[in-house]
Amino acid sequence: MYSKEESQKIKREFWVAFAEKYPRKWVLYDTKIKDFSFKFFVDNKKAQVLIDIEHRSDEKRTAYFEKIEALKNILEEEFVQDLVYEKNYTLESGKTISRIWVEKTGLGFSNRNNWDAIFDFFNEKMHALEMFYLEYDEFIKDID
């Protein structure tokens, strides 16, 4: 078991190593849609690549989610399989967002032997989600 400081140090080393293996600019928060972002997540049980829709307006949040859901067949056939769609996902803070994600379980950042597998998973899945988004962003953005 690691102390909080040791855990933070390993996590920093993890992200630096990821950036060195895949040195590129990711879309992440630069979607041109307010509160619509792509995220990486890793802990000691799993790695995830996420689309978080955190718009304050439930109406707009749901509209963006439903736009992606309308493209579900294309998204899963051409880009990423095994996605989980949750229109009303509750964060630990209690805030409700919409979330779409893919995950790989059974690996964590504190075991350096897992890093390459996590990095490759992150790169493959995030790249696919970005390609999907860049192809369909005009459709997704058009909610009015």
C-alpha atoms as a PDB file:
ATOM      1  CA  MET A   1       0.000   0.000   0.000  1.00  0.00           C
ATOM      2  CA  TYR A   2       1.309   3.390  -0.941  1.00  0.00           C
ATOM      3  CA  SER A   3       1.098   6.611   1.007  1.00  0.00           C
ATOM      4  CA  LYS A   4      -0.874   9.442  -0.578  1.00  0.00           C
ATOM      5  CA  GLU A   5       2.380  11.166  -1.590  1.00  0.00           C
ATOM      6  CA  GLU A   6       3.820   7.982  -3.130  1.00  0.00           C
ATOM      7  CA  SER A   7       0.592   7.357  -5.003  1.00  0.00           C
ATOM      8  CA  GLN A   8       0.578  10.913  -6.394  1.00  0.00           C
ATOM      9  CA  LYS A   9       4.232  10.551  -7.440  1.00  0.00           C
ATOM     10  CA  ILE A  10       3.510   7.291  -9.291  1.00  0.00           C
ATOM     11  CA  LYS A  11       0.473   8.845 -10.955  1.00  0.00           C
ATOM     12  CA  ARG A  12       2.584  11.820 -12.134  1.00  0.00           C
ATOM     13  CA  GLU A  13       5.220   9.426 -13.490  1.00  0.00           C
ATOM     14  CA  PHE A  14       2.447   7.447 -15.209  1.00  0.00           C
ATOM     15  CA  TRP A  15       1.088  10.502 -17.050  1.00  0.00           C
ATOM     16  CA  VAL A  16       4.583  11.699 -18.025  1.00  0.00           C
ATOM     17  CA  ALA A  17       5.401   8.240 -19.408  1.00  0.00           C
ATOM     18  CA  PHE A  18       2.091   8.201 -21.326  1.00  0.00           C
ATOM     19  CA  ALA A  19       2.835  11.622 -22.855  1.00  0.00           C
ATOM     20  CA  GLU A  20       6.298  10.417 -23.844  1.00  0.00           C
ATOM     21  CA  LYS A  21       4.968   7.244 -25.495  1.00  0.00           C
ATOM     22  CA  TYR A  22       2.137   9.059 -27.307  1.00  0.00           C
ATOM     23  CA  PRO A  23       3.314  12.666 -27.737  1.00  0.00           C
ATOM     24  CA  ARG A  24       0.318  14.292 -29.376  1.00  0.00           C
ATOM     25  CA  LYS A  25      -2.350  16.832 -28.655  1.00  0.00           C
ATOM     26  CA  TRP A  26      -5.622  15.189 -27.686  1.00  0.00           C
ATOM     27  CA  VAL A  27      -9.014  16.863 -28.235  1.00  0.00           C
ATOM     28  CA  LEU A  28     -10.065  16.392 -24.563  1.00  0.00           C
ATOM     29  CA  TYR A  29     -11.718  19.705 -23.573  1.00  0.00           C
ATOM     30  CA  ASP A  30     -11.294  21.399 -26.974  1.00  0.00           C
ATOM     31  CA  THR A  31     -14.598  20.149 -28.407  1.00  0.00           C
ATOM     32  CA  LYS A  32     -16.125  23.600 -29.026  1.00  0.00           C
ATOM     33  CA  ILE A  33     -19.121  22.411 -26.971  1.00  0.00           C
ATOM     34  CA  LYS A  34     -19.482  23.820 -23.465  1.00  0.00           C
ATOM     35  CA  ASP A  35     -19.135  21.130 -20.774  1.00  0.00           C
ATOM     36  CA  PHE A  36     -18.581  18.331 -23.338  1.00  0.00           C
ATOM     37  CA  SER A  37     -15.208  16.633 -22.965  1.00  0.00           C
ATOM     38  CA  PHE A  38     -13.134  13.550 -23.542  1.00  0.00           C
ATOM     39  CA  LYS A  39     -11.245  12.182 -20.547  1.00  0.00           C
ATOM     40  CA  PHE A  40      -8.776   9.527 -19.528  1.00  0.00           C
ATOM     41  CA  PHE A  41      -9.245   7.826 -16.165  1.00  0.00           C
ATOM     42  CA  VAL A  42      -7.098   5.257 -14.410  1.00  0.00           C
ATOM     43  CA  ASP A  43      -7.040   3.914 -10.875  1.00  0.00           C
ATOM     44  CA  ASN A  44      -5.794   0.643  -9.422  1.00  0.00           C
ATOM     45  CA  LYS A  45      -8.625  -1.451 -10.841  1.00  0.00           C
ATOM     46  CA  LYS A  46      -9.356  -0.122 -14.316  1.00  0.00           C
ATOM     47  CA  ALA A  47      -8.569   2.258 -17.152  1.00  0.00           C
ATOM     48  CA  GLN A  48     -11.333   4.206 -18.902  1.00  0.00           C
ATOM     49  CA  VAL A  49     -11.730   6.495 -21.880  1.00  0.00           C
ATOM     50  CA  LEU A  50     -14.766   8.716 -21.358  1.00  0.00           C
ATOM     51  CA  ILE A  51     -17.032  11.241 -22.982  1.00  0.00           C
ATOM     52  CA  ASP A  52     -18.513  13.393 -20.225  1.00  0.00           C
ATOM     53  CA  ILE A  53     -21.426  15.712 -20.916  1.00  0.00           C
ATOM     54  CA  GLU A  54     -21.717  17.978 -17.893  1.00  0.00           C
ATOM     55  CA  HIS A  55     -23.971  20.768 -19.128  1.00  0.00           C
ATOM     56  CA  ARG A  56     -25.868  22.523 -16.321  1.00  0.00           C
ATOM     57  CA  SER A  57     -29.051  22.405 -18.354  1.00  0.00           C
ATOM     58  CA  ASP A  58     -30.478  18.880 -18.161  1.00  0.00           C
ATOM     59  CA  GLU A  59     -32.254  19.597 -21.426  1.00  0.00           C
ATOM     60  CA  LYS A  60     -29.023  20.405 -23.302  1.00  0.00           C
ATOM     61  CA  ARG A  61     -27.094  17.623 -21.596  1.00  0.00           C
ATOM     62  CA  THR A  62     -29.746  15.114 -22.633  1.00  0.00           C
ATOM     63  CA  ALA A  63     -29.879  16.535 -26.172  1.00  0.00           C
ATOM     64  CA  TYR A  64     -26.118  16.036 -26.677  1.00  0.00           C
ATOM     65  CA  PHE A  65     -26.300  12.549 -25.199  1.00  0.00           C
ATOM     66  CA  GLU A  66     -29.197  11.618 -27.476  1.00  0.00           C
ATOM     67  CA  LYS A  67     -27.294  12.918 -30.518  1.00  0.00           C
ATOM     68  CA  ILE A  68     -24.461  10.495 -29.774  1.00  0.00           C
ATOM     69  CA  GLU A  69     -26.920   7.741 -28.959  1.00  0.00           C
ATOM     70  CA  ALA A  70     -28.528   8.295 -32.392  1.00  0.00           C
ATOM     71  CA  LEU A  71     -25.114   7.523 -33.906  1.00  0.00           C
ATOM     72  CA  LYS A  72     -24.572   4.467 -31.692  1.00  0.00           C
ATOM     73  CA  ASN A  73     -24.555   1.911 -34.536  1.00  0.00           C
ATOM     74  CA  ILE A  74     -22.003   3.875 -36.548  1.00  0.00           C
ATOM     75  CA  LEU A  75     -19.917   4.591 -33.455  1.00  0.00           C
ATOM     76  CA  GLU A  76     -19.786   0.941 -32.423  1.00  0.00           C
ATOM     77  CA  GLU A  77     -19.415  -0.579 -35.900  1.00  0.00           C
ATOM     78  CA  GLU A  78     -16.758   1.801 -37.199  1.00  0.00           C
ATOM     79  CA  PHE A  79     -14.972   3.243 -34.164  1.00  0.00           C
ATOM     80  CA  VAL A  80     -15.285   1.694 -30.659  1.00  0.00           C
ATOM     81  CA  GLN A  81     -17.092  -1.410 -29.441  1.00  0.00           C
ATOM     82  CA  ASP A  82     -18.250  -2.223 -25.916  1.00  0.00           C
ATOM     83  CA  LEU A  83     -19.203   1.334 -24.982  1.00  0.00           C
ATOM     84  CA  VAL A  84     -21.374   1.930 -21.933  1.00  0.00           C
ATOM     85  CA  TYR A  85     -24.016   4.674 -22.282  1.00  0.00           C
ATOM     86  CA  GLU A  86     -25.453   6.279 -19.170  1.00  0.00           C
ATOM     87  CA  LYS A  87     -27.763   9.255 -19.632  1.00  0.00           C
ATOM     88  CA  ASN A  88     -27.930  10.004 -15.890  1.00  0.00           C
ATOM     89  CA  TYR A  89     -24.587   9.151 -14.326  1.00  0.00           C
ATOM     90  CA  THR A  90     -24.065  10.377 -10.763  1.00  0.00           C
ATOM     91  CA  LEU A  91     -20.561  11.515  -9.835  1.00  0.00           C
ATOM     92  CA  GLU A  92     -19.192  11.070  -6.300  1.00  0.00           C
ATOM     93  CA  SER A  93     -19.950  14.770  -5.772  1.00  0.00           C
ATOM     94  CA  GLY A  94     -23.638  14.062  -6.381  1.00  0.00           C
ATOM     95  CA  LYS A  95     -23.685  15.922  -9.699  1.00  0.00           C
ATOM     96  CA  THR A  96     -25.597  14.211 -12.511  1.00  0.00           C
ATOM     97  CA  ILE A  97     -23.923  14.095 -15.902  1.00  0.00           C
ATOM     98  CA  SER A  98     -24.231  11.983 -19.030  1.00  0.00           C
ATOM     99  CA  ARG A  99     -21.327   9.631 -19.649  1.00  0.00           C
ATOM    100  CA  ILE A 100     -20.267   7.290 -22.414  1.00  0.00           C
ATOM    101  CA  TRP A 101     -17.213   5.165 -21.808  1.00  0.00           C
ATOM    102  CA  VAL A 102     -15.165   2.108 -22.554  1.00  0.00           C
ATOM    103  CA  GLU A 103     -13.012   0.434 -19.945  1.00  0.00           C
ATOM    104  CA  LYS A 104     -10.374  -2.186 -19.445  1.00  0.00           C
ATOM    105  CA  THR A 105     -10.473  -3.832 -16.032  1.00  0.00           C
ATOM    106  CA  GLY A 106      -7.890  -5.755 -14.087  1.00  0.00           C
ATOM    107  CA  LEU A 107      -5.064  -3.266 -14.401  1.00  0.00           C
ATOM    108  CA  GLY A 108      -3.985  -0.269 -12.442  1.00  0.00           C
ATOM    109  CA  PHE A 109      -1.466   2.526 -12.591  1.00  0.00           C
ATOM    110  CA  SER A 110       0.512   1.497  -9.502  1.00  0.00           C
ATOM    111  CA  ASN A 111       1.778  -1.650 -11.257  1.00  0.00           C
ATOM    112  CA  ARG A 112       4.296  -0.388 -13.812  1.00  0.00           C
ATOM    113  CA  ASN A 113       3.984  -3.687 -15.702  1.00  0.00           C
ATOM    114  CA  ASN A 114       0.457  -2.548 -16.687  1.00  0.00           C
ATOM    115  CA  TRP A 115       1.515   0.812 -18.078  1.00  0.00           C
ATOM    116  CA  ASP A 116       2.127  -0.199 -21.697  1.00  0.00           C
ATOM    117  CA  ALA A 117      -1.221  -2.016 -21.853  1.00  0.00           C
ATOM    118  CA  ILE A 118      -2.996   1.025 -20.381  1.00  0.00           C
ATOM    119  CA  PHE A 119      -1.161   3.451 -22.688  1.00  0.00           C
ATOM    120  CA  ASP A 120      -2.053   1.369 -25.748  1.00  0.00           C
ATOM    121  CA  PHE A 121      -5.679   1.090 -24.612  1.00  0.00           C
ATOM    122  CA  PHE A 122      -5.863   4.860 -24.019  1.00  0.00           C
ATOM    123  CA  ASN A 123      -4.310   5.646 -27.390  1.00  0.00           C
ATOM    124  CA  GLU A 124      -6.466   3.231 -29.375  1.00  0.00           C
ATOM    125  CA  LYS A 125      -9.807   4.097 -27.782  1.00  0.00           C
ATOM    126  CA  MET A 126      -9.296   7.862 -27.457  1.00  0.00           C
ATOM    127  CA  HIS A 127      -8.042   8.127 -31.024  1.00  0.00           C
ATOM    128  CA  ALA A 128     -11.134   6.232 -32.246  1.00  0.00           C
ATOM    129  CA  LEU A 129     -13.506   8.444 -30.214  1.00  0.00           C
ATOM    130  CA  GLU A 130     -11.769  11.574 -31.508  1.00  0.00           C
ATOM    131  CA  MET A 131     -12.043  10.370 -35.120  1.00  0.00           C
ATOM    132  CA  PHE A 132     -15.752   9.712 -34.561  1.00  0.00           C
ATOM    133  CA  TYR A 133     -16.230  13.145 -33.010  1.00  0.00           C
ATOM    134  CA  LEU A 134     -14.316  14.980 -35.732  1.00  0.00           C
ATOM    135  CA  GLU A 135     -16.445  13.278 -38.367  1.00  0.00           C
ATOM    136  CA  TYR A 136     -19.805  13.914 -36.663  1.00  0.00           C
ATOM    137  CA  ASP A 137     -19.208  17.043 -34.564  1.00  0.00           C
ATOM    138  CA  GLU A 138     -21.454  19.279 -36.694  1.00  0.00           C
ATOM    139  CA  PHE A 139     -24.363  16.861 -36.204  1.00  0.00           C
ATOM    140  CA  ILE A 140     -23.677  16.562 -32.460  1.00  0.00           C
ATOM    141  CA  LYS A 141     -23.368  20.342 -31.955  1.00  0.00           C
ATOM    142  CA  ASP A 142     -26.671  21.072 -33.723  1.00  0.00           C
ATOM    143  CA  ILE A 143     -29.131  20.722 -30.844  1.00  0.00           C
ATOM    144  CA  ASP A 144     -31.183  23.894 -31.304  1.00  0.00           C
END
